[in-house]
């Protein structure tokens, strides 16, 4: 994978983490145990330090960067959705930043909070724990329900399982020209979309 030292500072990747070969890590980046870093993610520790704590995931095309002398941190089980941007901020334990959301300088996403997809969290914002934030700029909508927090954690555990799957079986190959007659499907997981989860909750038992 493209890993670059700068000013003599070398990225750190724990052996139990998975970083996709197309992700780019520069300088003062520390990827902790059981973390997942997806394809084309950019973690640029060329000014401030970037730290991913145990079990965090930073998905495809995310950008993580920060100012000098400021750390950008994703705490344990932090979940950063596709295309999100983090800049000199802190995402607390078990929080989720949705797809294409932006979290700006010195903002803090509280423990078990969710920042909705495409939200913009302005600099200095303190997102309260267990709160749903959405909009541009992001505003607190309501407290999260227990089942929503459980849904988020299940999704994060799925990415931790993906880390183990990637370490065990992902290899670069040449594509086939035709699908096989008995083409296998990937192993099913227990996690469902939030819409599907809500639908199951509202369907009366037969």
N, C-alpha and C. Protein backbone atom coordinates (compact mmCIF):
# COMPACT_ATOMS: atom_id res chain seq x y z
N UNK A 1 0.86 -1.19 0.00
CA UNK A 1 0.00 0.00 0.00
C UNK A 1 0.89 1.23 0.00
N UNK A 2 0.41 2.37 -0.51
CA UNK A 2 1.22 3.60 -0.50
C UNK A 2 1.31 4.19 0.91
N UNK A 3 2.43 3.97 1.57
CA UNK A 3 2.72 4.57 2.87
C UNK A 3 3.96 5.44 2.72
N UNK A 4 3.89 6.65 3.23
CA UNK A 4 4.99 7.59 3.05
C UNK A 4 5.40 8.19 4.39
N UNK A 5 6.70 8.19 4.65
CA UNK A 5 7.24 8.96 5.77
C UNK A 5 7.42 10.41 5.33
N UNK A 6 7.30 11.33 6.27
CA UNK A 6 7.61 12.72 6.02
C UNK A 6 8.31 13.28 7.25
N UNK A 7 9.38 14.00 7.04
CA UNK A 7 10.20 14.52 8.13
C UNK A 7 10.60 13.40 9.09
N UNK A 8 10.79 12.20 8.54
CA UNK A 8 11.23 11.07 9.34
C UNK A 8 10.15 10.38 10.14
N UNK A 9 8.89 10.81 10.02
CA UNK A 9 7.79 10.19 10.77
C UNK A 9 7.09 9.19 9.86
N UNK A 10 6.99 7.93 10.34
CA UNK A 10 6.51 6.82 9.54
C UNK A 10 5.13 6.38 10.05
N UNK A 11 4.15 6.12 9.15
CA UNK A 11 2.86 5.60 9.61
C UNK A 11 3.01 4.29 10.37
N UNK A 12 2.03 4.03 11.25
CA UNK A 12 2.00 2.81 12.05
C UNK A 12 0.69 2.08 11.77
N UNK A 13 0.77 0.79 11.46
CA UNK A 13 -0.42 -0.03 11.22
C UNK A 13 -0.30 -1.28 12.06
N UNK A 14 -1.25 -1.49 12.96
CA UNK A 14 -1.24 -2.69 13.79
C UNK A 14 -1.43 -3.93 12.92
N UNK A 15 -0.77 -5.04 13.25
CA UNK A 15 -0.89 -6.25 12.40
C UNK A 15 -2.30 -6.78 12.26
N UNK A 16 -3.20 -6.49 13.21
CA UNK A 16 -4.57 -6.98 13.10
C UNK A 16 -5.48 -6.03 12.33
N UNK A 17 -4.96 -4.89 11.89
CA UNK A 17 -5.73 -3.94 11.08
C UNK A 17 -5.62 -4.32 9.61
N UNK A 18 -6.61 -3.86 8.82
CA UNK A 18 -6.54 -4.02 7.37
C UNK A 18 -6.62 -2.65 6.73
N UNK A 19 -5.62 -2.34 5.91
CA UNK A 19 -5.59 -1.10 5.13
C UNK A 19 -5.54 -1.51 3.66
N UNK A 20 -6.52 -1.09 2.89
CA UNK A 20 -6.57 -1.49 1.48
C UNK A 20 -5.35 -0.97 0.73
N UNK A 21 -4.86 -1.74 -0.24
CA UNK A 21 -3.66 -1.32 -0.97
C UNK A 21 -3.76 0.00 -1.71
N UNK A 22 -4.98 0.48 -1.99
CA UNK A 22 -5.11 1.77 -2.67
C UNK A 22 -5.26 2.94 -1.71
N UNK A 23 -5.38 2.68 -0.41
CA UNK A 23 -5.42 3.77 0.56
C UNK A 23 -4.02 4.39 0.67
N UNK A 24 -3.97 5.67 1.04
CA UNK A 24 -2.70 6.38 1.17
C UNK A 24 -2.55 6.88 2.60
N UNK A 25 -1.44 6.52 3.22
CA UNK A 25 -1.11 6.97 4.58
C UNK A 25 0.19 7.76 4.52
N UNK A 26 0.17 8.95 5.12
CA UNK A 26 1.33 9.83 5.08
C UNK A 26 1.68 10.27 6.49
N UNK A 27 2.90 10.02 6.91
CA UNK A 27 3.45 10.63 8.11
C UNK A 27 2.88 10.10 9.41
N UNK A 28 2.38 11.02 10.24
CA UNK A 28 2.01 10.70 11.62
C UNK A 28 0.60 10.14 11.68
N UNK A 29 0.47 8.91 11.22
CA UNK A 29 -0.80 8.18 11.20
C UNK A 29 -0.62 6.92 12.03
N UNK A 30 -1.54 6.67 12.95
CA UNK A 30 -1.49 5.48 13.79
C UNK A 30 -2.81 4.74 13.63
N UNK A 31 -2.76 3.56 13.04
CA UNK A 31 -3.94 2.72 12.82
C UNK A 31 -3.89 1.59 13.84
N UNK A 32 -4.86 1.57 14.74
CA UNK A 32 -4.84 0.63 15.85
C UNK A 32 -5.36 -0.74 15.51
N UNK A 33 -5.48 -1.60 16.53
CA UNK A 33 -5.91 -2.99 16.32
C UNK A 33 -7.32 -3.06 15.74
N UNK A 34 -7.51 -4.06 14.86
CA UNK A 34 -8.83 -4.42 14.33
C UNK A 34 -9.49 -3.31 13.51
N UNK A 35 -8.71 -2.33 13.07
CA UNK A 35 -9.26 -1.23 12.26
C UNK A 35 -9.36 -1.64 10.80
N UNK A 36 -10.25 -0.94 10.09
CA UNK A 36 -10.41 -1.12 8.65
C UNK A 36 -10.27 0.23 7.98
N UNK A 37 -9.43 0.30 6.94
CA UNK A 37 -9.28 1.50 6.13
C UNK A 37 -9.55 1.09 4.69
N UNK A 38 -10.57 1.70 4.07
CA UNK A 38 -11.08 1.23 2.79
C UNK A 38 -10.33 1.75 1.58
N UNK A 39 -10.73 1.28 0.39
CA UNK A 39 -10.08 1.68 -0.85
C UNK A 39 -10.11 3.20 -1.05
N UNK A 40 -8.98 3.74 -1.50
CA UNK A 40 -8.83 5.14 -1.89
C UNK A 40 -9.04 6.13 -0.74
N UNK A 41 -9.01 5.65 0.50
CA UNK A 41 -9.02 6.58 1.63
C UNK A 41 -7.66 7.28 1.70
N UNK A 42 -7.67 8.54 2.16
CA UNK A 42 -6.42 9.30 2.31
C UNK A 42 -6.32 9.78 3.75
N UNK A 43 -5.28 9.32 4.44
CA UNK A 43 -5.02 9.73 5.82
C UNK A 43 -3.70 10.48 5.81
N UNK A 44 -3.79 11.80 5.83
CA UNK A 44 -2.62 12.66 5.64
C UNK A 44 -2.15 13.23 6.97
N UNK A 45 -1.20 12.54 7.57
CA UNK A 45 -0.59 13.03 8.80
C UNK A 45 0.65 13.85 8.52
N UNK A 46 0.55 14.79 7.58
CA UNK A 46 1.71 15.62 7.22
C UNK A 46 1.74 16.93 7.98
N UNK A 47 0.66 17.26 8.70
CA UNK A 47 0.64 18.40 9.62
C UNK A 47 0.35 17.90 11.04
N UNK A 48 -0.88 17.47 11.30
CA UNK A 48 -1.25 16.96 12.61
C UNK A 48 -1.33 15.45 12.63
N UNK A 49 -1.39 14.87 13.83
CA UNK A 49 -1.45 13.42 14.01
C UNK A 49 -2.86 12.91 13.75
N UNK A 50 -2.94 11.70 13.19
CA UNK A 50 -4.19 10.99 12.95
C UNK A 50 -4.14 9.68 13.72
N UNK A 51 -5.16 9.41 14.52
CA UNK A 51 -5.18 8.19 15.32
C UNK A 51 -6.53 7.48 15.15
N UNK A 52 -6.48 6.21 14.79
CA UNK A 52 -7.66 5.35 14.77
C UNK A 52 -7.52 4.36 15.92
N UNK A 53 -8.47 4.39 16.85
CA UNK A 53 -8.44 3.47 17.98
C UNK A 53 -9.04 2.12 17.58
N UNK A 54 -8.94 1.18 18.48
CA UNK A 54 -9.34 -0.21 18.23
C UNK A 54 -10.74 -0.30 17.59
N UNK A 55 -10.80 -1.08 16.51
CA UNK A 55 -12.09 -1.40 15.90
C UNK A 55 -12.72 -0.30 15.07
N UNK A 56 -12.03 0.82 14.89
CA UNK A 56 -12.59 1.90 14.07
C UNK A 56 -12.52 1.53 12.59
N UNK A 57 -13.42 2.12 11.80
CA UNK A 57 -13.31 1.95 10.35
C UNK A 57 -13.43 3.29 9.66
N UNK A 58 -12.62 3.44 8.60
CA UNK A 58 -12.62 4.62 7.75
C UNK A 58 -12.81 4.09 6.33
N UNK A 59 -13.96 4.35 5.73
CA UNK A 59 -14.35 3.63 4.53
C UNK A 59 -13.84 4.31 3.24
N UNK A 60 -14.28 3.77 2.12
CA UNK A 60 -13.81 4.17 0.80
C UNK A 60 -13.84 5.69 0.61
N UNK A 61 -12.78 6.23 0.05
CA UNK A 61 -12.62 7.63 -0.39
C UNK A 61 -12.74 8.65 0.73
N UNK A 62 -12.68 8.22 1.99
CA UNK A 62 -12.66 9.21 3.08
C UNK A 62 -11.36 9.99 3.05
N UNK A 63 -11.43 11.23 3.55
CA UNK A 63 -10.24 12.07 3.71
C UNK A 63 -10.12 12.45 5.17
N UNK A 64 -8.95 12.20 5.75
CA UNK A 64 -8.68 12.55 7.14
C UNK A 64 -7.41 13.40 7.16
N UNK A 65 -7.51 14.60 7.74
CA UNK A 65 -6.39 15.54 7.73
C UNK A 65 -6.55 16.47 8.91
N UNK A 66 -5.57 17.28 9.19
CA UNK A 66 -5.68 18.21 10.30
C UNK A 66 -4.60 19.27 10.28
N UNK A 67 -4.78 20.27 11.15
CA UNK A 67 -3.82 21.36 11.28
C UNK A 67 -2.60 20.93 12.09
N UNK A 68 -1.50 21.66 12.00
CA UNK A 68 -0.34 21.37 12.84
C UNK A 68 -0.70 21.42 14.32
N UNK A 69 -0.10 20.50 15.07
CA UNK A 69 -0.27 20.43 16.52
C UNK A 69 -1.70 20.13 16.96
N UNK A 70 -2.51 19.60 16.05
CA UNK A 70 -3.85 19.15 16.40
C UNK A 70 -4.02 17.70 15.95
N UNK A 71 -4.59 16.89 16.82
CA UNK A 71 -4.83 15.49 16.49
C UNK A 71 -6.23 15.32 15.91
N UNK A 72 -6.34 14.47 14.92
CA UNK A 72 -7.63 14.02 14.41
C UNK A 72 -7.79 12.58 14.86
N UNK A 73 -8.84 12.32 15.65
CA UNK A 73 -8.95 11.05 16.36
C UNK A 73 -10.31 10.41 16.10
N UNK A 74 -10.28 9.11 15.80
CA UNK A 74 -11.49 8.30 15.77
C UNK A 74 -11.34 7.26 16.88
N UNK A 75 -12.17 7.37 17.91
CA UNK A 75 -12.03 6.49 19.05
C UNK A 75 -12.58 5.09 18.77
N UNK A 76 -12.51 4.23 19.77
CA UNK A 76 -12.88 2.83 19.63
C UNK A 76 -14.27 2.68 19.03
N UNK A 77 -14.36 1.81 18.03
CA UNK A 77 -15.61 1.51 17.32
C UNK A 77 -16.19 2.71 16.57
N UNK A 78 -15.39 3.75 16.35
CA UNK A 78 -15.83 4.84 15.50
C UNK A 78 -16.06 4.34 14.09
N UNK A 79 -17.06 4.91 13.42
CA UNK A 79 -17.54 4.38 12.14
C UNK A 79 -17.66 5.56 11.17
N UNK A 80 -16.79 5.59 10.16
CA UNK A 80 -16.72 6.73 9.25
C UNK A 80 -17.15 6.26 7.87
N UNK A 81 -18.33 6.72 7.42
CA UNK A 81 -18.94 6.23 6.20
C UNK A 81 -18.26 6.71 4.93
N UNK A 82 -18.61 6.08 3.83
CA UNK A 82 -18.02 6.34 2.52
C UNK A 82 -17.96 7.83 2.20
N UNK A 83 -16.79 8.30 1.83
CA UNK A 83 -16.65 9.65 1.32
C UNK A 83 -16.67 10.75 2.35
N UNK A 84 -16.66 10.42 3.63
CA UNK A 84 -16.69 11.46 4.67
C UNK A 84 -15.33 12.17 4.76
N UNK A 85 -15.36 13.39 5.31
CA UNK A 85 -14.15 14.19 5.50
C UNK A 85 -14.06 14.56 6.98
N UNK A 86 -12.92 14.25 7.60
CA UNK A 86 -12.64 14.64 8.98
C UNK A 86 -11.43 15.56 8.97
N UNK A 87 -11.54 16.70 9.68
CA UNK A 87 -10.42 17.65 9.69
C UNK A 87 -10.23 18.20 11.10
N UNK A 88 -9.13 17.80 11.75
CA UNK A 88 -8.78 18.31 13.09
C UNK A 88 -9.94 18.17 14.07
N UNK A 89 -10.58 17.00 14.08
CA UNK A 89 -11.75 16.79 14.93
C UNK A 89 -11.58 15.49 15.71
N UNK A 90 -12.53 15.24 16.60
CA UNK A 90 -12.54 14.01 17.39
C UNK A 90 -13.90 13.34 17.24
N UNK A 91 -13.87 12.06 16.91
CA UNK A 91 -15.08 11.24 16.85
C UNK A 91 -14.98 10.26 18.02
N UNK A 92 -15.87 10.42 18.98
CA UNK A 92 -15.79 9.65 20.21
C UNK A 92 -16.24 8.20 20.02
N UNK A 93 -16.03 7.43 21.04
CA UNK A 93 -16.30 5.99 21.06
C UNK A 93 -17.72 5.69 20.58
N UNK A 94 -17.83 4.71 19.68
CA UNK A 94 -19.12 4.19 19.19
C UNK A 94 -19.94 5.21 18.41
N UNK A 95 -19.34 6.31 17.97
CA UNK A 95 -20.07 7.29 17.15
C UNK A 95 -19.97 6.92 15.68
N UNK A 96 -20.90 7.47 14.89
CA UNK A 96 -20.93 7.24 13.45
C UNK A 96 -20.98 8.57 12.72
N UNK A 97 -20.15 8.70 11.68
CA UNK A 97 -20.19 9.84 10.76
C UNK A 97 -20.64 9.28 9.42
N UNK A 98 -21.78 9.75 8.92
CA UNK A 98 -22.40 9.16 7.75
C UNK A 98 -21.70 9.49 6.44
N UNK A 99 -22.17 8.86 5.39
CA UNK A 99 -21.57 9.01 4.07
C UNK A 99 -21.55 10.47 3.61
N UNK A 100 -20.40 10.90 3.10
CA UNK A 100 -20.21 12.24 2.54
C UNK A 100 -20.43 13.37 3.55
N UNK A 101 -20.46 13.05 4.84
CA UNK A 101 -20.53 14.10 5.85
C UNK A 101 -19.16 14.75 6.02
N UNK A 102 -19.16 15.98 6.55
CA UNK A 102 -17.92 16.72 6.81
C UNK A 102 -17.93 17.16 8.27
N UNK A 103 -16.85 16.85 8.98
CA UNK A 103 -16.70 17.26 10.38
C UNK A 103 -15.46 18.15 10.45
N UNK A 104 -15.65 19.40 10.84
CA UNK A 104 -14.61 20.41 10.71
C UNK A 104 -13.78 20.57 11.99
N UNK A 105 -12.87 21.55 11.93
CA UNK A 105 -11.82 21.76 12.91
C UNK A 105 -12.37 21.90 14.34
N UNK A 106 -11.75 21.16 15.24
CA UNK A 106 -12.03 21.22 16.68
C UNK A 106 -13.48 20.87 17.02
N UNK A 107 -14.19 20.25 16.09
CA UNK A 107 -15.50 19.69 16.41
C UNK A 107 -15.31 18.38 17.16
N UNK A 108 -16.33 18.00 17.90
CA UNK A 108 -16.29 16.74 18.64
C UNK A 108 -17.64 16.05 18.49
N UNK A 109 -17.61 14.84 17.96
CA UNK A 109 -18.81 14.03 17.82
C UNK A 109 -18.89 13.14 19.04
N UNK A 110 -19.91 13.34 19.88
CA UNK A 110 -20.00 12.68 21.16
C UNK A 110 -20.19 11.18 21.06
N UNK A 111 -19.95 10.51 22.17
CA UNK A 111 -20.06 9.06 22.26
C UNK A 111 -21.45 8.60 21.83
N UNK A 112 -21.48 7.60 20.96
CA UNK A 112 -22.71 6.97 20.44
C UNK A 112 -23.59 7.94 19.65
N UNK A 113 -23.06 9.07 19.23
CA UNK A 113 -23.83 10.00 18.39
C UNK A 113 -23.77 9.55 16.93
N UNK A 114 -24.69 10.06 16.13
CA UNK A 114 -24.70 9.80 14.70
C UNK A 114 -24.81 11.12 13.95
N UNK A 115 -23.87 11.35 13.04
CA UNK A 115 -23.92 12.47 12.10
C UNK A 115 -24.47 11.91 10.79
N UNK A 116 -25.59 12.43 10.35
CA UNK A 116 -26.28 11.87 9.18
C UNK A 116 -25.47 12.07 7.91
N UNK A 117 -25.79 11.28 6.90
CA UNK A 117 -25.15 11.39 5.59
C UNK A 117 -25.28 12.81 5.05
N UNK A 118 -24.19 13.31 4.48
CA UNK A 118 -24.11 14.62 3.82
C UNK A 118 -24.28 15.80 4.78
N UNK A 119 -24.21 15.56 6.08
CA UNK A 119 -24.29 16.67 7.04
C UNK A 119 -22.96 17.43 7.07
N UNK A 120 -23.03 18.70 7.50
CA UNK A 120 -21.83 19.53 7.67
C UNK A 120 -21.78 19.99 9.12
N UNK A 121 -20.77 19.50 9.84
CA UNK A 121 -20.60 19.84 11.25
C UNK A 121 -19.57 20.97 11.32
N UNK A 122 -20.00 22.21 11.66
CA UNK A 122 -19.08 23.35 11.62
C UNK A 122 -17.96 23.24 12.65
N UNK A 123 -16.92 24.01 12.43
CA UNK A 123 -15.78 24.05 13.34
C UNK A 123 -16.25 24.38 14.75
N UNK A 124 -15.68 23.66 15.71
CA UNK A 124 -15.96 23.93 17.11
C UNK A 124 -17.25 23.36 17.65
N UNK A 125 -18.04 22.71 16.83
CA UNK A 125 -19.32 22.14 17.28
C UNK A 125 -19.08 20.97 18.23
N UNK A 126 -19.85 20.91 19.29
CA UNK A 126 -19.81 19.77 20.21
C UNK A 126 -21.12 19.00 20.06
N UNK A 127 -21.05 17.88 19.41
CA UNK A 127 -22.24 17.04 19.23
C UNK A 127 -22.46 16.26 20.51
N UNK A 128 -23.62 16.40 21.15
CA UNK A 128 -23.84 15.69 22.41
C UNK A 128 -23.88 14.17 22.20
N UNK A 129 -23.55 13.40 23.24
CA UNK A 129 -23.66 11.95 23.14
C UNK A 129 -25.07 11.51 22.77
N UNK A 130 -25.15 10.38 22.04
CA UNK A 130 -26.43 9.73 21.71
C UNK A 130 -27.40 10.67 20.99
N UNK A 131 -26.86 11.56 20.17
CA UNK A 131 -27.68 12.55 19.47
C UNK A 131 -27.57 12.35 17.96
N UNK A 132 -28.68 12.52 17.26
CA UNK A 132 -28.70 12.51 15.80
C UNK A 132 -28.54 13.94 15.30
N UNK A 133 -27.50 14.16 14.49
CA UNK A 133 -27.24 15.46 13.87
C UNK A 133 -27.44 15.35 12.37
N UNK A 134 -28.10 16.34 11.77
CA UNK A 134 -28.32 16.31 10.33
C UNK A 134 -28.42 17.73 9.81
N UNK A 135 -28.14 17.89 8.51
CA UNK A 135 -28.34 19.17 7.85
C UNK A 135 -27.05 19.91 7.56
N UNK A 136 -27.21 21.05 6.88
CA UNK A 136 -26.10 21.93 6.50
C UNK A 136 -26.47 23.35 6.88
N UNK A 137 -25.92 23.88 8.00
CA UNK A 137 -25.06 23.18 8.95
C UNK A 137 -25.86 22.18 9.78
N UNK A 138 -25.15 21.22 10.38
CA UNK A 138 -25.82 20.17 11.14
C UNK A 138 -26.45 20.72 12.41
N UNK A 139 -27.65 20.26 12.68
CA UNK A 139 -28.38 20.61 13.90
C UNK A 139 -28.80 19.33 14.62
N UNK A 140 -28.91 19.41 15.94
CA UNK A 140 -29.38 18.27 16.71
C UNK A 140 -30.86 18.06 16.44
N UNK A 141 -31.24 16.87 16.02
CA UNK A 141 -32.64 16.56 15.74
C UNK A 141 -33.33 15.93 16.94
N UNK A 142 -32.66 14.97 17.58
CA UNK A 142 -33.28 14.26 18.69
C UNK A 142 -32.25 13.32 19.30
N UNK A 143 -32.62 12.73 20.44
CA UNK A 143 -31.81 11.67 21.01
C UNK A 143 -32.05 10.38 20.23
N UNK A 144 -31.03 9.56 20.17
CA UNK A 144 -31.13 8.29 19.47
C UNK A 144 -31.82 7.25 20.35
N UNK A 145 -32.57 6.39 19.70
CA UNK A 145 -33.21 5.29 20.41
C UNK A 145 -32.21 4.15 20.62
N UNK A 146 -32.47 3.33 21.61
CA UNK A 146 -31.56 2.22 21.91
C UNK A 146 -31.36 1.32 20.70
N UNK A 147 -32.43 1.07 19.96
CA UNK A 147 -32.32 0.17 18.81
C UNK A 147 -31.46 0.78 17.69
N UNK A 148 -31.45 2.09 17.57
CA UNK A 148 -30.59 2.74 16.58
C UNK A 148 -29.12 2.63 16.97
N UNK A 149 -28.84 2.77 18.24
CA UNK A 149 -27.46 2.62 18.71
C UNK A 149 -27.01 1.17 18.53
N UNK A 150 -27.90 0.23 18.80
CA UNK A 150 -27.58 -1.18 18.60
C UNK A 150 -27.33 -1.48 17.12
N UNK A 151 -28.15 -0.86 16.24
CA UNK A 151 -27.97 -1.03 14.79
C UNK A 151 -26.61 -0.52 14.35
N UNK A 152 -26.21 0.64 14.86
CA UNK A 152 -24.90 1.19 14.52
C UNK A 152 -23.79 0.26 14.95
N UNK A 153 -23.86 -0.26 16.18
CA UNK A 153 -22.81 -1.14 16.69
C UNK A 153 -22.73 -2.42 15.88
N UNK A 154 -23.88 -2.95 15.46
CA UNK A 154 -23.87 -4.16 14.63
C UNK A 154 -23.17 -3.89 13.30
N UNK A 155 -23.42 -2.70 12.71
CA UNK A 155 -22.73 -2.34 11.48
C UNK A 155 -21.23 -2.24 11.66
N UNK A 156 -20.80 -1.69 12.77
CA UNK A 156 -19.38 -1.57 13.07
C UNK A 156 -18.75 -2.95 13.25
N UNK A 157 -19.46 -3.84 13.92
CA UNK A 157 -18.94 -5.20 14.09
C UNK A 157 -18.82 -5.91 12.75
N UNK A 158 -19.73 -5.59 11.82
CA UNK A 158 -19.63 -6.17 10.48
C UNK A 158 -18.34 -5.72 9.80
N UNK A 159 -17.96 -4.45 9.99
CA UNK A 159 -16.69 -3.98 9.42
C UNK A 159 -15.49 -4.60 10.12
N UNK A 160 -15.60 -4.88 11.40
CA UNK A 160 -14.51 -5.58 12.08
C UNK A 160 -14.38 -7.00 11.55
N UNK A 161 -15.51 -7.63 11.25
CA UNK A 161 -15.46 -8.94 10.61
C UNK A 161 -14.89 -8.84 9.20
N UNK A 162 -15.22 -7.75 8.49
CA UNK A 162 -14.65 -7.54 7.16
C UNK A 162 -13.13 -7.41 7.23
N UNK A 163 -12.63 -6.74 8.27
CA UNK A 163 -11.18 -6.65 8.46
C UNK A 163 -10.57 -8.04 8.50
N UNK A 164 -11.17 -8.94 9.27
CA UNK A 164 -10.64 -10.30 9.37
C UNK A 164 -10.78 -11.05 8.04
N UNK A 165 -11.90 -10.84 7.34
CA UNK A 165 -12.08 -11.48 6.03
C UNK A 165 -11.01 -11.02 5.04
N UNK A 166 -10.75 -9.71 5.04
CA UNK A 166 -9.77 -9.17 4.10
C UNK A 166 -8.37 -9.72 4.39
N UNK A 167 -8.00 -9.75 5.67
CA UNK A 167 -6.69 -10.28 6.02
C UNK A 167 -6.56 -11.75 5.63
N UNK A 168 -7.67 -12.49 5.72
CA UNK A 168 -7.62 -13.92 5.46
C UNK A 168 -7.72 -14.28 3.98
N UNK A 169 -8.47 -13.46 3.18
CA UNK A 169 -8.80 -13.97 1.85
C UNK A 169 -8.69 -12.97 0.71
N UNK A 170 -8.52 -11.67 0.98
CA UNK A 170 -8.49 -10.74 -0.14
C UNK A 170 -7.15 -10.81 -0.87
N UNK A 171 -7.22 -11.06 -2.17
CA UNK A 171 -6.02 -11.10 -3.02
C UNK A 171 -6.35 -10.41 -4.34
N UNK A 172 -5.35 -9.85 -4.96
CA UNK A 172 -5.54 -9.24 -6.28
C UNK A 172 -5.59 -10.34 -7.33
N UNK A 173 -6.56 -10.24 -8.25
CA UNK A 173 -6.75 -11.26 -9.28
C UNK A 173 -7.03 -10.58 -10.61
N UNK A 174 -6.99 -11.37 -11.67
CA UNK A 174 -7.48 -10.93 -12.98
C UNK A 174 -8.95 -11.29 -13.08
N UNK A 175 -9.79 -10.40 -13.64
CA UNK A 175 -11.23 -10.71 -13.70
C UNK A 175 -11.52 -11.84 -14.67
N UNK A 176 -12.62 -12.53 -14.41
CA UNK A 176 -13.13 -13.53 -15.35
C UNK A 176 -13.78 -12.82 -16.53
N UNK A 177 -13.89 -13.51 -17.63
CA UNK A 177 -14.57 -12.93 -18.79
C UNK A 177 -16.07 -13.24 -18.80
N UNK A 178 -16.47 -14.27 -18.05
CA UNK A 178 -17.88 -14.66 -17.95
C UNK A 178 -18.15 -15.14 -16.52
N UNK A 179 -19.37 -14.93 -16.02
CA UNK A 179 -19.68 -15.50 -14.69
C UNK A 179 -19.74 -17.02 -14.75
N UNK A 180 -19.32 -17.65 -13.67
CA UNK A 180 -19.36 -19.11 -13.59
C UNK A 180 -20.80 -19.61 -13.61
N UNK A 181 -20.98 -20.86 -14.01
CA UNK A 181 -22.32 -21.45 -14.06
C UNK A 181 -22.94 -21.51 -12.67
N UNK A 182 -22.18 -21.84 -11.68
CA UNK A 182 -22.65 -21.92 -10.29
C UNK A 182 -21.91 -20.87 -9.46
N UNK A 183 -22.03 -19.61 -9.86
CA UNK A 183 -21.27 -18.55 -9.21
C UNK A 183 -21.64 -18.45 -7.73
N UNK A 184 -20.67 -18.51 -6.83
CA UNK A 184 -20.99 -18.43 -5.40
C UNK A 184 -21.40 -17.02 -5.00
N UNK A 185 -22.13 -16.94 -3.93
CA UNK A 185 -22.46 -15.65 -3.32
C UNK A 185 -21.62 -15.48 -2.06
N UNK A 186 -21.43 -14.21 -1.68
CA UNK A 186 -20.66 -13.94 -0.47
C UNK A 186 -21.45 -14.36 0.76
N UNK A 187 -20.76 -14.70 1.85
CA UNK A 187 -21.47 -15.10 3.07
C UNK A 187 -22.39 -13.98 3.55
N UNK A 188 -23.60 -14.36 3.93
CA UNK A 188 -24.57 -13.37 4.42
C UNK A 188 -24.18 -12.90 5.81
N UNK A 189 -24.50 -11.64 6.12
CA UNK A 189 -24.31 -11.11 7.46
C UNK A 189 -25.66 -10.80 8.06
N UNK A 190 -25.67 -10.55 9.35
CA UNK A 190 -26.91 -10.27 10.06
C UNK A 190 -27.32 -8.80 9.98
N UNK A 191 -26.42 -7.93 9.52
CA UNK A 191 -26.72 -6.50 9.53
C UNK A 191 -27.61 -6.15 8.34
N UNK A 192 -28.59 -5.26 8.58
CA UNK A 192 -29.51 -4.79 7.54
C UNK A 192 -29.47 -3.27 7.51
N UNK A 193 -29.98 -2.69 6.42
CA UNK A 193 -30.10 -1.24 6.37
C UNK A 193 -31.05 -0.77 7.47
N UNK A 194 -30.94 0.52 7.81
CA UNK A 194 -31.80 1.07 8.85
C UNK A 194 -33.27 1.02 8.41
N UNK A 195 -33.52 1.25 7.13
CA UNK A 195 -34.89 1.17 6.61
C UNK A 195 -35.45 -0.24 6.79
N UNK A 196 -34.63 -1.24 6.42
CA UNK A 196 -35.09 -2.63 6.57
C UNK A 196 -35.29 -2.98 8.03
N UNK A 197 -34.42 -2.47 8.90
CA UNK A 197 -34.55 -2.73 10.34
C UNK A 197 -35.85 -2.15 10.87
N UNK A 198 -36.16 -0.92 10.46
CA UNK A 198 -37.41 -0.29 10.91
C UNK A 198 -38.62 -1.04 10.38
N UNK A 199 -38.51 -1.52 9.14
CA UNK A 199 -39.62 -2.26 8.55
C UNK A 199 -39.90 -3.54 9.35
N UNK A 200 -38.81 -4.21 9.76
CA UNK A 200 -38.97 -5.43 10.56
C UNK A 200 -39.62 -5.12 11.90
N UNK A 201 -39.25 -3.97 12.48
CA UNK A 201 -39.78 -3.59 13.80
C UNK A 201 -41.28 -3.29 13.75
N UNK A 202 -41.74 -2.78 12.60
CA UNK A 202 -43.14 -2.38 12.49
C UNK A 202 -44.03 -3.44 11.89
N UNK A 203 -43.45 -4.55 11.41
CA UNK A 203 -44.24 -5.64 10.83
C UNK A 203 -44.85 -6.48 11.95
N UNK A 204 -46.15 -6.63 12.00
CA UNK A 204 -46.76 -7.42 13.08
C UNK A 204 -46.39 -8.89 12.97
N UNK A 205 -46.22 -9.53 14.10
CA UNK A 205 -45.92 -10.96 14.11
C UNK A 205 -47.11 -11.74 13.59
N UNK A 206 -46.83 -12.81 12.84
CA UNK A 206 -47.90 -13.64 12.26
C UNK A 206 -48.23 -14.77 13.21
